[in-house]
Amino acid sequence: MGLSPASLASGGTRLGLPNVWNIEPSPIAIEAIAIFEFQDDAYEPILMAVEETNDGAGRTRANLPSAKGHRLEGGSSSPPETGCYSTDENSPWGLSFAFSRSAANRSSAHKRRRCFGGDHTMSAFLASDLEGRSLEEWDRVDAHRWSSYYLVFRLDPDRHRPLALHWLLFNKLASELREDGHPVEMPPFPPLPYPRRMWAGGEIAWSRPLAPGLDLRRTTVVSRAEQKTGETGSFLLTSLRRTIQDEVGGETLIDERQDIVFLPATSRPGSGQGRGPGFEAEWDVARSSSSVDLFRYSALTLNGHRIHYDEPYTREVEGYPKLVVHGPLLASQLMQAAARQRPNAIPARFTYRAVKPVFCEEPYRLIGHRGAPSTEDLAIVGDDGRVRMTATMTFAEVDPSKEASV
């Protein structure tokens, strides 16, 4: 019999497959399924079938096989020309399957489906099928991380908003790590043939500040995935769209884009001379980050990347001369410094781009220049006057007599 998303969702499809993994999300209806196994530079569809059962209480069970080689639709084990998939980050095998809420409970924030065509190489998968993969997570703004953020960034709780506190949230310790200290699994991404990962920039839009005790939900969607080729081989440019909402009221508090680059093992730091900031600084804050600063921020964000604490690995494997200061740490310092310059304004949006790394104990300066009436042009420059990070912050002006903390 022919298989399709419609037939699988109809509730009557029973294919008698081996029952090796039971999943009971309630209330969930299976719509379509495609399981993949990654093998070097290619991925292989194992099966496009599912046995759907219902226990009479509104719960749906998906019974998935453990081995490949199952034949379908006329006895062919070749992958079909079209199909649908999504990813479940809890799969013990790093496999993928698709499901969504039943029609009465479907939500755009739930797992999305993507379709693939006849080209089943790893390149085609990365170029087209990553976009739309999604993940939902929950966390609470607890007193420990709230107070730790204010201590690390030397802020006054009565006067300053914790603009990048959300980067301390939604982080989990991974059970398996790669050589570089990153988790083996980094959902919503599947296993990728790129052993290195770099946070390249992004944008944050604030609607309302976080507060202690808030229960939060974060929805992450891969909004961009482009494969490129450079001097050391192919690499992957991606963007994540992250929306943080108040779990109780459903209000969106933060809407964020994160740009992440996945690199091959042969990649090495660029040797370019860089450029100046392109504006005359109107204010200037001198900083440097010690190994203790890097350790504390790694601990707060549960970041195991070895370039922030293992100097022999950093030099010998990744090719940096010293420990590397976290990109998010630098961006946090820059946005908090900019907010201090305008005490009668509320930060509304921050756009930033990492240009060159900053190294442990290296002097650098946070600088800014007032652009448009509600905009601050920003940069981090090294001791050589060359840019390490560029940024722009947009403010919502307020009446000084009704001043809100920034």
Protein backbone atom coordinates (compact mmCIF):
# COMPACT_ATOMS: atom_id res chain seq x y z
CA MET A 1 0.00 0.00 0.00
CA GLY A 2 1.19 3.55 -0.71
CA LEU A 3 2.38 5.68 2.20
CA SER A 4 1.75 9.40 2.50
CA PRO A 5 1.48 11.97 5.30
CA ALA A 6 -2.29 11.84 4.86
CA SER A 7 -2.52 8.05 5.19
CA LEU A 8 -0.20 8.01 8.20
CA ALA A 9 -2.25 10.70 9.92
CA SER A 10 -5.57 9.01 9.21
CA GLY A 11 -5.37 6.83 12.31
CA GLY A 12 -5.83 3.52 10.53
CA THR A 13 -2.32 2.75 9.31
CA ARG A 14 -0.89 -0.42 10.89
CA LEU A 15 2.22 -1.86 9.31
CA GLY A 16 3.24 -4.43 11.89
CA LEU A 17 6.81 -3.14 12.35
CA PRO A 18 9.04 -4.23 15.26
CA ASN A 19 8.21 -2.39 18.45
CA VAL A 20 11.57 -1.23 19.82
CA TRP A 21 10.88 2.33 20.88
CA ASN A 22 7.63 3.64 22.30
CA ILE A 23 6.92 7.36 22.43
CA GLU A 24 3.78 8.64 24.07
CA PRO A 25 3.47 12.43 23.68
CA SER A 26 -0.10 13.37 24.50
CA PRO A 27 -2.08 14.37 22.51
CA ILE A 28 0.05 13.72 19.40
CA ALA A 29 -0.86 12.37 15.99
CA ILE A 30 1.83 10.94 13.73
CA GLU A 31 1.76 12.69 10.36
CA ALA A 32 4.79 11.33 8.52
CA ILE A 33 8.11 9.74 9.28
CA ALA A 34 11.56 9.38 7.79
CA ILE A 35 14.50 7.99 9.75
CA PHE A 36 18.08 8.75 8.81
CA GLU A 37 21.45 7.46 9.85
CA PHE A 38 24.54 9.56 9.28
CA GLN A 39 27.48 7.77 7.71
CA ASP A 40 30.55 9.95 7.00
CA ASP A 41 29.52 12.45 4.29
CA ALA A 42 26.14 10.96 3.43
CA TYR A 43 22.91 10.18 5.18
CA GLU A 44 20.71 7.24 4.41
CA PRO A 45 16.94 6.99 4.76
CA ILE A 46 16.28 3.80 6.68
CA LEU A 47 12.52 3.66 6.63
CA MET A 48 9.45 5.67 5.77
CA ALA A 49 6.79 3.91 7.74
CA VAL A 50 5.24 3.89 11.17
CA GLU A 51 2.81 1.76 13.08
CA GLU A 52 0.25 4.00 14.71
CA THR A 53 -1.78 2.72 17.64
CA ASN A 54 -4.18 4.45 20.00
CA ASP A 55 -4.91 3.23 23.49
CA GLY A 56 -8.36 4.81 23.56
CA ALA A 57 -7.30 7.59 25.93
CA GLY A 58 -6.10 10.02 23.29
CA ARG A 59 -2.48 8.87 23.38
CA THR A 60 -0.66 7.88 20.21
CA ARG A 61 2.25 5.45 20.15
CA ALA A 62 4.89 5.27 17.43
CA ASN A 63 6.64 1.93 17.07
CA LEU A 64 9.97 2.39 15.31
CA PRO A 65 12.32 -0.28 13.91
CA SER A 66 15.97 -0.46 14.93
CA ALA A 67 17.59 -1.77 11.76
CA LYS A 68 17.82 -0.47 8.22
CA GLY A 69 17.03 -2.37 5.03
CA HIS A 70 13.26 -2.43 5.39
CA ARG A 71 11.55 -2.34 2.03
CA LEU A 72 8.52 -0.25 1.22
CA GLU A 73 6.24 0.65 -1.65
CA GLY A 74 6.72 -2.12 -4.19
CA GLY A 75 9.63 -3.76 -2.37
CA SER A 76 12.21 -1.06 -3.17
CA SER A 77 14.70 -0.08 -0.48
CA SER A 78 15.68 3.08 -2.40
CA PRO A 79 14.68 6.39 -0.83
CA PRO A 80 11.51 7.94 -2.22
CA GLU A 81 11.67 11.14 -4.22
CA THR A 82 9.83 13.11 -1.56
CA GLY A 83 9.23 12.73 2.13
CA CYS A 84 9.04 14.60 5.42
CA TYR A 85 11.20 14.67 8.49
CA SER A 86 11.88 16.46 11.73
CA THR A 87 14.27 15.77 14.59
CA ASP A 88 13.81 14.46 18.08
CA GLU A 89 16.77 15.49 20.22
CA ASN A 90 16.15 12.63 22.67
CA SER A 91 16.84 9.90 20.11
CA PRO A 92 19.60 7.67 21.53
CA TRP A 93 20.86 6.96 18.01
CA GLY A 94 20.83 10.50 16.63
CA LEU A 95 18.00 9.52 14.31
CA SER A 96 15.15 11.66 13.08
CA PHE A 97 11.40 11.34 12.84
CA ALA A 98 8.49 13.65 12.17
CA PHE A 99 5.38 14.39 14.17
CA SER A 100 3.23 17.37 15.01
CA ARG A 101 0.30 18.16 17.23
CA SER A 102 -3.09 16.84 16.23
CA ALA A 103 -5.20 19.23 14.18
CA ALA A 104 -7.03 20.52 17.26
CA ASN A 105 -3.77 21.24 19.11
CA ARG A 106 -1.33 22.13 16.33
CA SER A 107 1.01 25.02 17.09
CA SER A 108 3.47 26.77 14.81
CA ALA A 109 5.97 26.59 17.65
CA HIS A 110 5.88 22.78 17.61
CA LYS A 111 8.09 20.62 15.46
CA ARG A 112 8.02 21.62 11.81
CA ARG A 113 8.18 19.35 8.79
CA ARG A 114 10.54 19.70 5.87
CA CYS A 115 10.55 17.95 2.50
CA PHE A 116 13.53 16.54 0.66
CA GLY A 117 13.98 15.80 -3.04
CA GLY A 118 15.82 13.23 -5.07
CA ASP A 119 19.39 14.35 -4.25
CA HIS A 120 20.30 12.59 -1.02
CA THR A 121 23.91 13.69 -0.58
CA MET A 122 25.02 15.34 2.64
CA SER A 123 25.53 18.62 0.77
CA ALA A 124 21.94 18.70 -0.40
CA PHE A 125 20.76 17.92 3.12
CA LEU A 126 22.71 20.75 4.68
CA ALA A 127 21.80 23.25 2.00
CA SER A 128 18.06 22.75 2.09
CA ASP A 129 16.82 20.54 4.89
CA LEU A 130 18.22 22.23 8.00
CA GLU A 131 15.93 25.24 7.67
CA GLY A 132 12.76 24.88 9.71
CA ARG A 133 14.12 22.43 12.27
CA SER A 134 12.89 23.54 15.67
CA LEU A 135 13.22 23.01 19.40
CA GLU A 136 11.28 24.08 22.49
CA GLU A 137 12.89 24.53 25.92
CA TRP A 138 11.82 25.77 29.34
CA ASP A 139 13.70 27.50 32.16
CA ARG A 140 13.16 29.81 35.12
CA VAL A 141 14.99 33.03 36.02
CA ASP A 142 16.47 31.89 39.32
CA ALA A 143 18.15 34.01 41.99
CA HIS A 144 21.58 32.41 41.46
CA ARG A 145 21.98 33.28 37.79
CA TRP A 146 20.27 36.65 38.27
CA SER A 147 22.72 37.76 40.98
CA SER A 148 25.71 36.16 39.21
CA TYR A 149 25.06 38.18 36.06
CA TYR A 150 25.10 41.44 38.03
CA LEU A 151 28.36 40.45 39.74
CA VAL A 152 30.16 39.40 36.55
CA PHE A 153 29.22 42.56 34.65
CA ARG A 154 29.53 44.91 37.65
CA LEU A 155 25.98 46.23 37.45
CA ASP A 156 23.69 47.89 39.96
CA PRO A 157 20.38 45.95 40.26
CA ASP A 158 18.56 49.19 41.08
CA ARG A 159 19.74 50.98 37.92
CA HIS A 160 20.69 48.51 35.18
CA ARG A 161 18.80 45.92 33.18
CA PRO A 162 20.50 42.51 32.70
CA LEU A 163 20.40 42.75 28.90
CA ALA A 164 22.11 39.43 28.12
CA LEU A 165 20.95 37.41 31.13
CA HIS A 166 19.09 35.07 28.78
CA TRP A 167 22.45 33.72 27.53
CA LEU A 168 22.89 32.19 30.99
CA LEU A 169 19.55 30.38 30.67
CA PHE A 170 18.42 27.27 28.76
CA ASN A 171 21.90 25.69 28.97
CA LYS A 172 22.36 22.04 29.91
CA LEU A 173 25.33 19.84 30.71
CA ALA A 174 25.87 17.36 27.88
CA SER A 175 26.49 13.68 28.54
CA GLU A 176 28.82 13.33 25.54
CA LEU A 177 31.43 15.85 24.40
CA ARG A 178 33.51 16.26 21.28
CA GLU A 179 37.26 16.78 21.34
CA ASP A 180 36.82 20.56 21.47
CA GLY A 181 34.52 20.36 24.51
CA HIS A 182 31.29 21.15 22.65
CA PRO A 183 28.37 18.72 23.06
CA VAL A 184 28.13 15.91 20.51
CA GLU A 185 24.46 16.80 20.03
CA MET A 186 23.49 20.45 19.54
CA PRO A 187 19.76 20.49 18.76
CA PRO A 188 17.99 21.64 16.72
CA PHE A 189 20.98 20.76 14.50
CA PRO A 190 21.53 17.09 13.64
CA PRO A 191 25.05 15.59 13.73
CA LEU A 192 27.10 17.62 11.24
CA PRO A 193 30.38 16.83 9.44
CA TYR A 194 31.99 19.99 10.88
CA PRO A 195 33.95 19.58 14.13
CA ARG A 196 34.22 23.29 14.95
CA ARG A 197 31.60 25.88 15.80
CA MET A 198 31.87 29.67 16.04
CA TRP A 199 29.34 32.23 17.28
CA ALA A 200 29.62 34.92 14.58
CA GLY A 201 27.03 37.55 15.57
CA GLY A 202 23.32 38.21 15.72
CA GLU A 203 20.57 40.57 16.82
CA ILE A 204 18.50 40.95 20.01
CA ALA A 205 15.18 42.80 20.31
CA TRP A 206 13.87 43.39 23.84
CA SER A 207 10.16 43.84 24.51
CA ARG A 208 10.16 43.58 28.29
CA PRO A 209 13.00 42.92 30.77
CA LEU A 210 13.44 39.59 32.51
CA ALA A 211 12.73 39.40 36.22
CA PRO A 212 13.52 36.89 38.98
CA GLY A 213 11.03 34.03 39.22
CA LEU A 214 9.78 34.24 35.62
CA ASP A 215 9.01 30.91 33.97
CA LEU A 216 10.18 31.07 30.38
CA ARG A 217 9.73 29.12 27.16
CA ARG A 218 12.24 29.43 24.33
CA THR A 219 11.41 28.38 20.78
CA THR A 220 14.36 27.95 18.43
CA VAL A 221 14.03 27.59 14.64
CA VAL A 222 16.83 27.23 12.10
CA SER A 223 16.04 30.21 9.86
CA ARG A 224 19.08 30.04 7.57
CA ALA A 225 21.52 27.36 6.40
CA GLU A 226 24.00 27.97 3.58
CA GLN A 227 26.98 25.87 2.60
CA LYS A 228 30.04 27.80 1.44
CA THR A 229 33.53 26.91 0.28
CA GLY A 230 36.65 28.65 1.58
CA GLU A 231 40.41 28.19 1.56
CA THR A 232 40.25 25.24 3.97
CA GLY A 233 37.19 23.54 2.50
CA SER A 234 33.45 23.76 2.94
CA PHE A 235 31.77 25.39 5.90
CA LEU A 236 28.20 26.01 6.98
CA LEU A 237 26.61 29.40 7.73
CA THR A 238 23.49 29.18 9.87
CA SER A 239 21.11 31.46 11.74
CA LEU A 240 18.85 30.54 14.65
CA ARG A 241 15.65 32.48 15.38
CA ARG A 242 15.03 32.34 19.13
CA THR A 243 11.88 33.64 20.79
CA ILE A 244 11.67 33.80 24.58
CA GLN A 245 8.19 34.08 26.05
CA ASP A 246 6.66 34.38 29.48
CA GLU A 247 5.33 30.86 29.97
CA VAL A 248 2.38 32.07 32.05
CA GLY A 249 1.13 35.00 29.99
CA GLY A 250 2.57 34.02 26.61
CA GLU A 251 4.08 37.49 26.07
CA THR A 252 7.22 37.64 23.93
CA LEU A 253 10.04 39.15 25.98
CA ILE A 254 13.04 38.65 23.65
CA ASP A 255 13.24 37.99 19.93
CA GLU A 256 16.75 37.01 18.87
CA ARG A 257 18.79 35.90 15.89
CA GLN A 258 22.06 34.04 16.44
CA ASP A 259 24.50 33.53 13.56
CA ILE A 260 26.59 30.37 13.94
CA VAL A 261 29.32 29.07 11.63
CA PHE A 262 30.30 25.39 11.50
CA LEU A 263 33.87 24.86 10.30
CA PRO A 264 36.06 21.94 9.18
CA ALA A 265 38.94 20.67 11.33
CA THR A 266 41.40 22.21 8.86
CA SER A 267 40.18 25.76 9.52
CA ARG A 268 42.66 28.20 11.05
CA PRO A 269 42.29 31.75 12.43
CA GLY A 270 42.44 34.44 9.77
CA SER A 271 45.61 36.47 9.42
CA GLY A 272 44.09 39.68 8.03
CA GLN A 273 45.18 43.04 9.39
CA GLY A 274 41.61 44.16 10.10
CA ARG A 275 40.27 47.71 9.99
CA GLY A 276 39.42 50.66 12.18
CA PRO A 277 35.96 51.30 13.65
CA GLY A 278 34.93 53.88 11.03
CA PHE A 279 33.81 56.48 13.58
CA GLU A 280 35.35 58.77 16.19
CA ALA A 281 34.72 57.44 19.70
CA GLU A 282 32.73 59.72 22.00
CA TRP A 283 33.16 57.41 24.96
CA ASP A 284 35.69 54.73 25.75
CA VAL A 285 35.89 51.94 28.37
CA ALA A 286 39.21 50.10 28.79
CA ARG A 287 38.93 46.38 29.55
CA SER A 288 40.80 43.09 29.55
CA SER A 289 39.61 39.59 30.45
CA SER A 290 41.65 37.28 32.64
CA SER A 291 41.61 33.48 32.65
CA VAL A 292 39.45 33.70 35.78
CA ASP A 293 36.93 35.90 33.91
CA LEU A 294 36.79 33.31 31.12
CA PHE A 295 36.38 30.45 33.61
CA ARG A 296 33.55 32.19 35.44
CA TYR A 297 31.63 32.94 32.26
CA SER A 298 32.15 29.39 30.97
CA ALA A 299 30.80 28.08 34.26
CA LEU A 300 27.75 30.35 34.23
CA THR A 301 26.86 29.38 30.65
CA LEU A 302 27.89 25.69 30.98
CA ASN A 303 30.24 26.24 28.04
CA GLY A 304 32.82 23.46 27.75
CA HIS A 305 34.64 24.80 24.65
CA ARG A 306 38.33 24.25 25.41
CA ILE A 307 39.55 27.43 23.68
CA HIS A 308 38.34 29.32 26.77
CA TYR A 309 40.37 27.40 29.39
CA ASP A 310 42.81 24.87 27.83
CA GLU A 311 45.73 26.87 26.43
CA PRO A 312 47.80 23.94 25.04
CA TYR A 313 44.75 22.70 23.11
CA THR A 314 43.97 26.25 21.96
CA ARG A 315 47.47 26.73 20.53
CA GLU A 316 48.25 23.26 19.20
CA VAL A 317 44.86 22.17 17.83
CA GLU A 318 42.88 25.30 16.95
CA GLY A 319 45.84 27.54 16.16
CA TYR A 320 45.13 30.52 18.43
CA PRO A 321 48.07 32.09 20.30
CA LYS A 322 46.23 32.31 23.66
CA LEU A 323 42.89 31.54 25.28
CA VAL A 324 39.97 33.14 23.41
CA VAL A 325 37.47 35.46 25.10
CA HIS A 326 33.86 34.35 24.53
CA GLY A 327 32.01 36.26 21.82
CA PRO A 328 28.84 36.49 23.98
CA LEU A 329 30.92 37.79 26.91
CA LEU A 330 32.29 40.60 24.73
CA ALA A 331 28.86 41.39 23.27
CA SER A 332 27.39 41.52 26.79
CA GLN A 333 30.08 43.96 27.96
CA LEU A 334 29.48 46.15 24.92
CA MET A 335 25.69 46.33 25.23
CA GLN A 336 25.83 47.03 28.98
CA ALA A 337 28.43 49.78 28.44
CA ALA A 338 26.27 51.37 25.73
CA ALA A 339 23.19 51.29 27.97
CA ARG A 340 25.08 53.15 30.71
CA GLN A 341 25.71 56.03 28.29
CA ARG A 342 21.98 56.78 27.96
CA PRO A 343 20.39 56.53 31.41
CA ASN A 344 17.15 58.12 30.17
CA ALA A 345 16.59 55.60 27.37
CA ILE A 346 15.50 51.99 27.17
CA PRO A 347 17.55 49.57 25.01
CA ALA A 348 15.33 48.20 22.25
CA ARG A 349 17.61 46.40 19.78
CA PHE A 350 21.26 45.30 19.59
CA THR A 351 22.88 44.07 16.36
CA TYR A 352 26.46 42.78 16.50
CA ARG A 353 29.09 40.99 14.43
CA ALA A 354 32.31 39.32 15.58
CA VAL A 355 35.24 40.36 13.38
CA LYS A 356 38.41 39.05 15.07
CA PRO A 357 39.04 37.21 18.34
CA VAL A 358 40.04 38.87 21.58
CA PHE A 359 42.59 36.92 23.63
CA CYS A 360 43.02 36.41 27.34
CA GLU A 361 44.80 39.34 29.10
CA GLU A 362 44.77 41.36 25.84
CA PRO A 363 43.83 45.04 26.39
CA TYR A 364 40.76 46.17 24.45
CA ARG A 365 38.35 49.08 24.48
CA LEU A 366 34.58 49.34 24.32
CA ILE A 367 33.80 52.46 22.28
CA GLY A 368 30.70 54.26 21.06
CA HIS A 369 29.49 57.16 18.96
CA ARG A 370 26.00 58.63 18.85
CA GLY A 371 24.59 58.13 15.36
CA ALA A 372 20.92 58.89 14.77
CA PRO A 373 19.03 60.34 17.76
CA SER A 374 18.06 56.87 18.98
CA THR A 375 21.12 54.93 17.79
CA GLU A 376 24.60 54.25 19.16
CA ASP A 377 27.37 53.01 16.85
CA LEU A 378 29.57 50.61 18.82
CA ALA A 379 32.78 48.63 18.50
CA ILE A 380 35.38 46.69 20.42
CA VAL A 381 38.90 47.60 19.33
CA GLY A 382 42.21 46.04 20.27
CA ASP A 383 45.38 47.78 21.42
CA ASP A 384 46.30 48.12 17.73
CA GLY A 385 43.15 50.17 17.03
CA ARG A 386 41.67 47.42 14.86
CA VAL A 387 38.09 46.24 15.26
CA ARG A 388 37.32 42.99 17.10
CA MET A 389 33.52 43.41 17.12
CA THR A 390 31.08 45.89 15.59
CA ALA A 391 27.58 46.63 16.85
CA THR A 392 24.65 49.03 16.81
CA MET A 393 22.21 49.65 19.64
CA THR A 394 18.81 51.27 19.15
CA PHE A 395 17.05 52.95 22.07
CA ALA A 396 13.51 53.94 22.92
CA GLU A 397 13.69 57.40 24.44
CA VAL A 398 11.72 58.01 27.63
CA ASP A 399 10.74 61.02 29.66
CA PRO A 400 13.47 61.62 32.29
CA SER A 401 10.76 62.32 34.87
CA LYS A 402 9.51 58.75 34.27
CA GLU A 403 12.97 57.24 33.96
CA ALA A 404 13.09 53.44 33.83
CA SER A 405 16.17 51.52 34.84
CA VAL A 406 18.43 50.61 31.94
